[in-house]
Amino acid sequence: MKLKISIIIPCYNEESNLNRGVLNEVYTYLSKQTYKWEVIIANDASTDNSLKIIKQFVAKHKNFKIINLSHGGKPSAVLVGLKKARYPLVLFTDMDQSTPISQLSKLLPHFNNGFDVVIGSRGTTRKSFSAIRKLMTLVFLSSRRLFLLPKIRDTQCGFKAFKTDVVKKIFPKLSFFTQKRNKKGWTVSAYDVELLFMLQKQGYKIKEVPVVWVNEDTSTTKGDNLERFKKESIQMAKEILNVLVNNLKGKYN
């Protein structure tokens, strides 16, 4: 069967990244591939010029689509894009292209080896992170690997590919949706951990593949300040605890 893949890029206030030409990078790579592809950009009610820039790009480039949403948070944006995906494989990737779209070539072959999910991995070092983000990452990795998904090194890399039918079945069951979580802002959370845990719990085969990663993000929605570090650390801890409690209650069976 000929390869076909849908690529979902969530967007919230990515004007600075868009002005760097990230979508041109995506198009330049994909236009050289022999397989069928589509790019679905889910704009989560950006308050900057992201929507205007994306619309101008989509109007001139084939196989790119824009969905403009009311604000619902990153998981909601991904889910809407996922519902629109037409092809048997789907890739979630971030707008900043810290993991370049070219790394997709490292993921795709593993689907022929029986894997249902193939995720990019940055390993455990984050050379371009500030000291604060390195500390947050170390704490998160240690606690997550101690209690959940001990065989997976990197759950938070924003470069993940799935069999579309598999992830469409699992993604709407995330606590973010079932427990009606707070949808304010573009908060980084551990929903990736819960998604991978649920997939593993259901017996799906997951492959982790090393990918290139350089912190290219220039958006205003993320940062290294101490206040954000504290908030995200607390949120991460809560998310991991929530997955543990849900698992003990049998909610993932």
C-alpha atoms as a PDB file:
ATOM      1  CA  MET A   1       0.000   0.000   0.000  1.00  0.00           C
ATOM      2  CA  LYS A   2       1.336   3.429  -0.974  1.00  0.00           C
ATOM      3  CA  LEU A   3       2.332   5.629   1.944  1.00  0.00           C
ATOM      4  CA  LYS A   4      -0.039   8.459   2.853  1.00  0.00           C
ATOM      5  CA  ILE A   5       0.375  10.715   5.881  1.00  0.00           C
ATOM      6  CA  SER A   6      -1.469  13.604   7.517  1.00  0.00           C
ATOM      7  CA  ILE A   7       0.686  16.127   9.390  1.00  0.00           C
ATOM      8  CA  ILE A   8      -0.923  18.110  12.193  1.00  0.00           C
ATOM      9  CA  ILE A   9       0.641  21.356  13.403  1.00  0.00           C
ATOM     10  CA  PRO A  10      -1.104  23.095  16.325  1.00  0.00           C
ATOM     11  CA  CYS A  11      -0.632  26.848  16.471  1.00  0.00           C
ATOM     12  CA  TYR A  12      -0.983  29.469  19.179  1.00  0.00           C
ATOM     13  CA  ASN A  13       0.745  32.852  18.781  1.00  0.00           C
ATOM     14  CA  GLU A  14       3.508  31.565  16.515  1.00  0.00           C
ATOM     15  CA  GLU A  15       4.041  34.770  14.534  1.00  0.00           C
ATOM     16  CA  SER A  16       7.773  34.957  15.227  1.00  0.00           C
ATOM     17  CA  ASN A  17       8.322  31.327  14.230  1.00  0.00           C
ATOM     18  CA  LEU A  18       6.193  31.777  11.109  1.00  0.00           C
ATOM     19  CA  ASN A  19       8.228  34.824  10.137  1.00  0.00           C
ATOM     20  CA  ARG A  20      11.344  32.616  10.278  1.00  0.00           C
ATOM     21  CA  GLY A  21       9.882  30.601   7.411  1.00  0.00           C
ATOM     22  CA  VAL A  22       9.070  27.369   9.263  1.00  0.00           C
ATOM     23  CA  LEU A  23       6.198  26.519   6.904  1.00  0.00           C
ATOM     24  CA  ASN A  24       8.499  26.999   3.921  1.00  0.00           C
ATOM     25  CA  GLU A  25      10.826  24.427   5.498  1.00  0.00           C
ATOM     26  CA  VAL A  26       7.941  21.983   5.829  1.00  0.00           C
ATOM     27  CA  TYR A  27       6.757  22.535   2.252  1.00  0.00           C
ATOM     28  CA  THR A  28      10.245  22.331   0.738  1.00  0.00           C
ATOM     29  CA  TYR A  29      10.821  18.919   2.317  1.00  0.00           C
ATOM     30  CA  LEU A  30       7.402  17.399   1.688  1.00  0.00           C
ATOM     31  CA  SER A  31       7.178  18.591  -1.913  1.00  0.00           C
ATOM     32  CA  LYS A  32      10.203  16.388  -2.726  1.00  0.00           C
ATOM     33  CA  GLN A  33       8.631  13.208  -1.306  1.00  0.00           C
ATOM     34  CA  THR A  34       6.948  10.580  -3.454  1.00  0.00           C
ATOM     35  CA  TYR A  35       4.228   9.708  -0.949  1.00  0.00           C
ATOM     36  CA  LYS A  36       0.892  11.505  -0.518  1.00  0.00           C
ATOM     37  CA  TRP A  37       0.717  14.043   2.287  1.00  0.00           C
ATOM     38  CA  GLU A  38      -1.397  16.813   3.745  1.00  0.00           C
ATOM     39  CA  VAL A  39      -0.613  19.434   6.370  1.00  0.00           C
ATOM     40  CA  ILE A  40      -3.383  20.513   8.741  1.00  0.00           C
ATOM     41  CA  ILE A  41      -2.651  23.626  10.794  1.00  0.00           C
ATOM     42  CA  ALA A  42      -4.985  24.016  13.779  1.00  0.00           C
ATOM     43  CA  ASN A  43      -4.947  27.640  14.912  1.00  0.00           C
ATOM     44  CA  ASP A  44      -6.107  27.868  18.522  1.00  0.00           C
ATOM     45  CA  ALA A  45      -7.429  31.455  18.403  1.00  0.00           C
ATOM     46  CA  SER A  46      -3.993  33.095  18.184  1.00  0.00           C
ATOM     47  CA  THR A  47      -4.024  36.728  19.281  1.00  0.00           C
ATOM     48  CA  ASP A  48      -1.079  37.815  17.107  1.00  0.00           C
ATOM     49  CA  ASN A  49      -0.735  37.763  13.296  1.00  0.00           C
ATOM     50  CA  SER A  50      -0.386  33.962  13.048  1.00  0.00           C
ATOM     51  CA  LEU A  51      -3.733  33.402  11.333  1.00  0.00           C
ATOM     52  CA  LYS A  52      -3.101  36.086   8.707  1.00  0.00           C
ATOM     53  CA  ILE A  53       0.361  34.694   7.882  1.00  0.00           C
ATOM     54  CA  ILE A  54      -0.900  31.104   7.695  1.00  0.00           C
ATOM     55  CA  LYS A  55      -3.846  32.039   5.455  1.00  0.00           C
ATOM     56  CA  GLN A  56      -1.495  33.790   3.038  1.00  0.00           C
ATOM     57  CA  PHE A  57       0.768  30.732   2.978  1.00  0.00           C
ATOM     58  CA  VAL A  58      -2.054  28.200   2.547  1.00  0.00           C
ATOM     59  CA  ALA A  59      -3.487  30.191  -0.374  1.00  0.00           C
ATOM     60  CA  LYS A  60      -0.249  29.705  -2.310  1.00  0.00           C
ATOM     61  CA  HIS A  61       0.743  26.164  -1.306  1.00  0.00           C
ATOM     62  CA  LYS A  62      -0.949  22.938  -2.252  1.00  0.00           C
ATOM     63  CA  ASN A  63      -1.960  20.330   0.391  1.00  0.00           C
ATOM     64  CA  PHE A  64      -1.904  22.815   3.265  1.00  0.00           C
ATOM     65  CA  LYS A  65      -5.103  23.497   5.234  1.00  0.00           C
ATOM     66  CA  ILE A  66      -5.933  25.875   8.061  1.00  0.00           C
ATOM     67  CA  ILE A  67      -8.563  25.298  10.729  1.00  0.00           C
ATOM     68  CA  ASN A  68      -9.356  28.340  12.864  1.00  0.00           C
ATOM     69  CA  LEU A  69     -10.659  27.436  16.326  1.00  0.00           C
ATOM     70  CA  SER A  70     -12.031  29.122  19.390  1.00  0.00           C
ATOM     71  CA  HIS A  71      -9.484  28.867  22.197  1.00  0.00           C
ATOM     72  CA  GLY A  72      -9.351  25.381  23.683  1.00  0.00           C
ATOM     73  CA  GLY A  73      -5.698  24.620  24.464  1.00  0.00           C
ATOM     74  CA  LYS A  74      -3.115  22.531  22.639  1.00  0.00           C
ATOM     75  CA  PRO A  75      -4.755  19.086  23.077  1.00  0.00           C
ATOM     76  CA  SER A  76      -8.027  20.470  21.678  1.00  0.00           C
ATOM     77  CA  ALA A  77      -6.233  21.911  18.655  1.00  0.00           C
ATOM     78  CA  VAL A  78      -4.511  18.581  18.017  1.00  0.00           C
ATOM     79  CA  LEU A  79      -7.786  16.678  18.372  1.00  0.00           C
ATOM     80  CA  VAL A  80      -9.601  18.880  15.841  1.00  0.00           C
ATOM     81  CA  GLY A  81      -6.739  18.406  13.394  1.00  0.00           C
ATOM     82  CA  LEU A  82      -6.791  14.673  14.041  1.00  0.00           C
ATOM     83  CA  LYS A  83     -10.499  14.468  13.239  1.00  0.00           C
ATOM     84  CA  LYS A  84      -9.786  16.069   9.855  1.00  0.00           C
ATOM     85  CA  ALA A  85      -6.888  13.726   9.023  1.00  0.00           C
ATOM     86  CA  ARG A  86      -7.626  11.652   5.900  1.00  0.00           C
ATOM     87  CA  TYR A  87      -4.609   9.380   5.661  1.00  0.00           C
ATOM     88  CA  PRO A  88      -3.626   6.103   7.428  1.00  0.00           C
ATOM     89  CA  LEU A  89      -0.634   7.647   9.218  1.00  0.00           C
ATOM     90  CA  VAL A  90      -0.506  10.899  11.154  1.00  0.00           C
ATOM     91  CA  LEU A  91       2.343  13.003  12.521  1.00  0.00           C
ATOM     92  CA  PHE A  92       2.062  15.529  15.356  1.00  0.00           C
ATOM     93  CA  THR A  93       4.775  18.171  15.086  1.00  0.00           C
ATOM     94  CA  ASP A  94       5.364  21.628  16.576  1.00  0.00           C
ATOM     95  CA  MET A  95       5.353  24.834  14.572  1.00  0.00           C
ATOM     96  CA  ASP A  96       8.845  25.853  15.680  1.00  0.00           C
ATOM     97  CA  GLN A  97      10.419  22.890  13.838  1.00  0.00           C
ATOM     98  CA  SER A  98      12.917  22.291  16.626  1.00  0.00           C
ATOM     99  CA  THR A  99      12.769  18.749  15.272  1.00  0.00           C
ATOM    100  CA  PRO A 100      12.942  19.371  11.517  1.00  0.00           C
ATOM    101  CA  ILE A 101      10.275  17.769   9.333  1.00  0.00           C
ATOM    102  CA  SER A 102      13.088  15.902   7.535  1.00  0.00           C
ATOM    103  CA  GLN A 103      13.362  13.659  10.603  1.00  0.00           C
ATOM    104  CA  LEU A 104      10.109  12.036   9.490  1.00  0.00           C
ATOM    105  CA  SER A 105      12.220   9.758   7.296  1.00  0.00           C
ATOM    106  CA  LYS A 106      13.595   8.159  10.480  1.00  0.00           C
ATOM    107  CA  LEU A 107      10.133   7.361  11.825  1.00  0.00           C
ATOM    108  CA  LEU A 108       8.240   6.038   8.819  1.00  0.00           C
ATOM    109  CA  PRO A 109      10.164   2.770   8.170  1.00  0.00           C
ATOM    110  CA  HIS A 110       9.204   1.402  11.601  1.00  0.00           C
ATOM    111  CA  PHE A 111       5.540   1.178  10.660  1.00  0.00           C
ATOM    112  CA  ASN A 112       6.545  -1.565   8.224  1.00  0.00           C
ATOM    113  CA  ASN A 113       7.975  -3.469  11.205  1.00  0.00           C
ATOM    114  CA  GLY A 114       4.658  -3.730  13.008  1.00  0.00           C
ATOM    115  CA  PHE A 115       4.784  -0.653  15.240  1.00  0.00           C
ATOM    116  CA  ASP A 116       1.616   1.353  15.877  1.00  0.00           C
ATOM    117  CA  VAL A 117       3.334   4.425  17.317  1.00  0.00           C
ATOM    118  CA  VAL A 118       6.773   5.838  16.484  1.00  0.00           C
ATOM    119  CA  ILE A 119       8.014   8.776  18.549  1.00  0.00           C
ATOM    120  CA  GLY A 120      11.009  11.061  18.248  1.00  0.00           C
ATOM    121  CA  SER A 121      13.459  11.113  21.149  1.00  0.00           C
ATOM    122  CA  ARG A 122      15.872  13.861  22.161  1.00  0.00           C
ATOM    123  CA  GLY A 123      17.579  11.593  24.674  1.00  0.00           C
ATOM    124  CA  THR A 124      18.071  13.039  28.150  1.00  0.00           C
ATOM    125  CA  THR A 125      20.321  16.034  27.365  1.00  0.00           C
ATOM    126  CA  ARG A 126      18.925  19.457  26.458  1.00  0.00           C
ATOM    127  CA  LYS A 127      22.004  21.449  25.447  1.00  0.00           C
ATOM    128  CA  SER A 128      20.118  24.596  24.449  1.00  0.00           C
ATOM    129  CA  PHE A 129      17.952  24.684  27.591  1.00  0.00           C
ATOM    130  CA  SER A 130      18.575  27.196  30.331  1.00  0.00           C
ATOM    131  CA  ALA A 131      19.584  25.904  33.775  1.00  0.00           C
ATOM    132  CA  ILE A 132      15.973  26.252  34.950  1.00  0.00           C
ATOM    133  CA  ARG A 133      14.550  24.198  32.090  1.00  0.00           C
ATOM    134  CA  LYS A 134      17.284  21.584  32.521  1.00  0.00           C
ATOM    135  CA  LEU A 135      16.349  21.233  36.185  1.00  0.00           C
ATOM    136  CA  MET A 136      12.639  20.988  35.353  1.00  0.00           C
ATOM    137  CA  THR A 137      13.378  18.366  32.712  1.00  0.00           C
ATOM    138  CA  LEU A 138      15.506  16.289  35.097  1.00  0.00           C
ATOM    139  CA  VAL A 139      12.812  16.303  37.788  1.00  0.00           C
ATOM    140  CA  PHE A 140      10.106  15.429  35.297  1.00  0.00           C
ATOM    141  CA  LEU A 141      12.077  12.635  33.616  1.00  0.00           C
ATOM    142  CA  SER A 142      13.060  11.071  36.936  1.00  0.00           C
ATOM    143  CA  SER A 143       9.544  11.046  38.386  1.00  0.00           C
ATOM    144  CA  ARG A 144       7.902   9.949  35.152  1.00  0.00           C
ATOM    145  CA  ARG A 145      10.331   7.072  34.541  1.00  0.00           C
ATOM    146  CA  LEU A 146      10.061   5.977  38.155  1.00  0.00           C
ATOM    147  CA  PHE A 147       6.274   5.652  38.075  1.00  0.00           C
ATOM    148  CA  LEU A 148       5.221   5.539  34.411  1.00  0.00           C
ATOM    149  CA  LEU A 149       6.687   4.416  31.075  1.00  0.00           C
ATOM    150  CA  PRO A 150      10.148   3.410  32.399  1.00  0.00           C
ATOM    151  CA  LYS A 151      11.242   2.135  28.970  1.00  0.00           C
ATOM    152  CA  ILE A 152      10.607   5.427  27.171  1.00  0.00           C
ATOM    153  CA  ARG A 153      13.317   8.065  27.549  1.00  0.00           C
ATOM    154  CA  ASP A 154      11.530  11.082  26.095  1.00  0.00           C
ATOM    155  CA  THR A 155       7.750  11.483  26.208  1.00  0.00           C
ATOM    156  CA  GLN A 156       7.714  15.240  25.588  1.00  0.00           C
ATOM    157  CA  CYS A 157       9.369  15.540  22.175  1.00  0.00           C
ATOM    158  CA  GLY A 158       6.719  17.151  19.975  1.00  0.00           C
ATOM    159  CA  PHE A 159       7.429  14.831  17.045  1.00  0.00           C
ATOM    160  CA  LYS A 160       5.218  11.736  17.140  1.00  0.00           C
ATOM    161  CA  ALA A 161       3.732   9.532  14.429  1.00  0.00           C
ATOM    162  CA  PHE A 162       0.821   7.122  14.782  1.00  0.00           C
ATOM    163  CA  LYS A 163      -1.435   4.831  12.855  1.00  0.00           C
ATOM    164  CA  THR A 164      -4.366   7.182  12.455  1.00  0.00           C
ATOM    165  CA  ASP A 165      -7.078   4.710  13.442  1.00  0.00           C
ATOM    166  CA  VAL A 166      -5.192   3.879  16.652  1.00  0.00           C
ATOM    167  CA  VAL A 167      -4.664   7.442  17.882  1.00  0.00           C
ATOM    168  CA  LYS A 168      -8.183   8.522  16.871  1.00  0.00           C
ATOM    169  CA  LYS A 169      -9.487   5.821  19.187  1.00  0.00           C
ATOM    170  CA  ILE A 170      -7.332   6.814  22.198  1.00  0.00           C
ATOM    171  CA  PHE A 171      -6.782  10.587  21.999  1.00  0.00           C
ATOM    172  CA  PRO A 172     -10.362  11.694  22.867  1.00  0.00           C
ATOM    173  CA  LYS A 173     -10.134   9.606  26.074  1.00  0.00           C
ATOM    174  CA  LEU A 174      -7.435  11.852  27.568  1.00  0.00           C
ATOM    175  CA  SER A 175      -8.270  13.342  30.973  1.00  0.00           C
ATOM    176  CA  PHE A 176      -7.964  16.787  29.385  1.00  0.00           C
ATOM    177  CA  PHE A 177     -11.280  16.070  27.664  1.00  0.00           C
ATOM    178  CA  THR A 178     -13.011  13.624  30.015  1.00  0.00           C
ATOM    179  CA  GLN A 179     -12.328  15.706  33.134  1.00  0.00           C
ATOM    180  CA  LYS A 180     -12.898  19.054  31.397  1.00  0.00           C
ATOM    181  CA  ARG A 181      -9.532  20.569  32.282  1.00  0.00           C
ATOM    182  CA  ASN A 182      -8.807  24.287  32.376  1.00  0.00           C
ATOM    183  CA  LYS A 183      -8.220  25.418  28.797  1.00  0.00           C
ATOM    184  CA  LYS A 184      -6.661  28.795  29.469  1.00  0.00           C
ATOM    185  CA  GLY A 185      -3.390  29.567  27.670  1.00  0.00           C
ATOM    186  CA  TRP A 186      -1.039  27.174  25.898  1.00  0.00           C
ATOM    187  CA  THR A 187       0.220  25.489  29.053  1.00  0.00           C
ATOM    188  CA  VAL A 188       2.758  22.724  28.605  1.00  0.00           C
ATOM    189  CA  SER A 189       1.344  19.624  30.258  1.00  0.00           C
ATOM    190  CA  ALA A 190       1.989  15.920  30.507  1.00  0.00           C
ATOM    191  CA  TYR A 191      -0.854  14.893  28.253  1.00  0.00           C
ATOM    192  CA  ASP A 192       1.767  13.160  26.099  1.00  0.00           C
ATOM    193  CA  VAL A 193       2.568  10.909  29.057  1.00  0.00           C
ATOM    194  CA  GLU A 194      -1.049   9.914  29.499  1.00  0.00           C
ATOM    195  CA  LEU A 195      -1.490   9.305  25.768  1.00  0.00           C
ATOM    196  CA  LEU A 196       1.555   7.032  25.572  1.00  0.00           C
ATOM    197  CA  PHE A 197       0.603   5.277  28.804  1.00  0.00           C
ATOM    198  CA  MET A 198      -2.895   4.584  27.472  1.00  0.00           C
ATOM    199  CA  LEU A 199      -1.527   3.308  24.172  1.00  0.00           C
ATOM    200  CA  GLN A 200       0.915   1.016  25.975  1.00  0.00           C
ATOM    201  CA  LYS A 201      -1.810  -0.171  28.351  1.00  0.00           C
ATOM    202  CA  GLN A 202      -3.968  -1.133  25.380  1.00  0.00           C
ATOM    203  CA  GLY A 203      -1.155  -3.227  23.949  1.00  0.00           C
ATOM    204  CA  TYR A 204      -0.081  -1.018  21.057  1.00  0.00           C
ATOM    205  CA  LYS A 205       3.557  -1.271  19.998  1.00  0.00           C
ATOM    206  CA  ILE A 206       5.618   1.882  20.551  1.00  0.00           C
ATOM    207  CA  LYS A 207       9.020   2.591  19.014  1.00  0.00           C
ATOM    208  CA  GLU A 208      11.289   5.407  20.190  1.00  0.00           C
ATOM    209  CA  VAL A 209      13.700   6.790  17.586  1.00  0.00           C
ATOM    210  CA  PRO A 210      16.526   9.327  18.139  1.00  0.00           C
ATOM    211  CA  VAL A 211      15.919  12.562  16.224  1.00  0.00           C
ATOM    212  CA  VAL A 212      17.703  15.854  15.727  1.00  0.00           C
ATOM    213  CA  TRP A 213      16.465  18.532  18.102  1.00  0.00           C
ATOM    214  CA  VAL A 214      17.574  22.144  18.478  1.00  0.00           C
ATOM    215  CA  ASN A 215      15.551  24.619  20.523  1.00  0.00           C
ATOM    216  CA  GLU A 216      14.401  26.916  17.704  1.00  0.00           C
ATOM    217  CA  ASP A 217      11.309  28.277  19.411  1.00  0.00           C
ATOM    218  CA  THR A 218      10.948  32.060  19.298  1.00  0.00           C
ATOM    219  CA  SER A 219       7.258  32.289  20.220  1.00  0.00           C
ATOM    220  CA  THR A 220       5.990  34.214  23.224  1.00  0.00           C
ATOM    221  CA  THR A 221       3.964  31.327  24.652  1.00  0.00           C
ATOM    222  CA  LYS A 222       6.887  29.557  26.309  1.00  0.00           C
ATOM    223  CA  GLY A 223       9.736  30.744  28.461  1.00  0.00           C
ATOM    224  CA  ASP A 224      12.432  30.012  30.999  1.00  0.00           C
ATOM    225  CA  ASN A 225      11.453  32.394  33.786  1.00  0.00           C
ATOM    226  CA  LEU A 226      11.271  31.145  37.363  1.00  0.00           C
ATOM    227  CA  GLU A 227       7.540  31.774  37.760  1.00  0.00           C
ATOM    228  CA  ARG A 228       6.718  29.704  34.692  1.00  0.00           C
ATOM    229  CA  PHE A 229       9.136  27.003  35.838  1.00  0.00           C
ATOM    230  CA  LYS A 230       7.295  26.679  39.153  1.00  0.00           C
ATOM    231  CA  LYS A 231       3.865  26.579  37.516  1.00  0.00           C
ATOM    232  CA  GLU A 232       4.875  24.000  34.913  1.00  0.00           C
ATOM    233  CA  SER A 233       6.659  21.812  37.478  1.00  0.00           C
ATOM    234  CA  ILE A 234       3.570  21.740  39.678  1.00  0.00           C
ATOM    235  CA  GLN A 235       1.336  21.077  36.680  1.00  0.00           C
ATOM    236  CA  MET A 236       3.555  18.222  35.481  1.00  0.00           C
ATOM    237  CA  ALA A 237       3.532  16.623  38.931  1.00  0.00           C
ATOM    238  CA  LYS A 238      -0.264  16.879  39.067  1.00  0.00           C
ATOM    239  CA  GLU A 239      -0.622  15.310  35.625  1.00  0.00           C
ATOM    240  CA  ILE A 240       1.597  12.344  36.506  1.00  0.00           C
ATOM    241  CA  LEU A 241      -0.275  11.858  39.782  1.00  0.00           C
ATOM    242  CA  ASN A 242      -3.570  12.005  37.889  1.00  0.00           C
ATOM    243  CA  VAL A 243      -2.422   9.235  35.510  1.00  0.00           C
ATOM    244  CA  LEU A 244      -1.307   7.094  38.451  1.00  0.00           C
ATOM    245  CA  VAL A 245      -4.659   7.542  40.228  1.00  0.00           C
ATOM    246  CA  ASN A 246      -6.641   6.845  37.059  1.00  0.00           C
ATOM    247  CA  ASN A 247      -4.625   3.701  36.490  1.00  0.00           C
ATOM    248  CA  LEU A 248      -5.244   2.476  40.045  1.00  0.00           C
ATOM    249  CA  LYS A 249      -8.956   3.083  39.545  1.00  0.00           C
ATOM    250  CA  GLY A 250      -8.876   0.957  36.390  1.00  0.00           C
ATOM    251  CA  LYS A 251      -9.861   3.807  34.069  1.00  0.00           C
ATOM    252  CA  TYR A 252      -7.384   2.702  31.402  1.00  0.00           C
ATOM    253  CA  ASN A 253      -8.490  -0.941  31.289  1.00  0.00           C
END
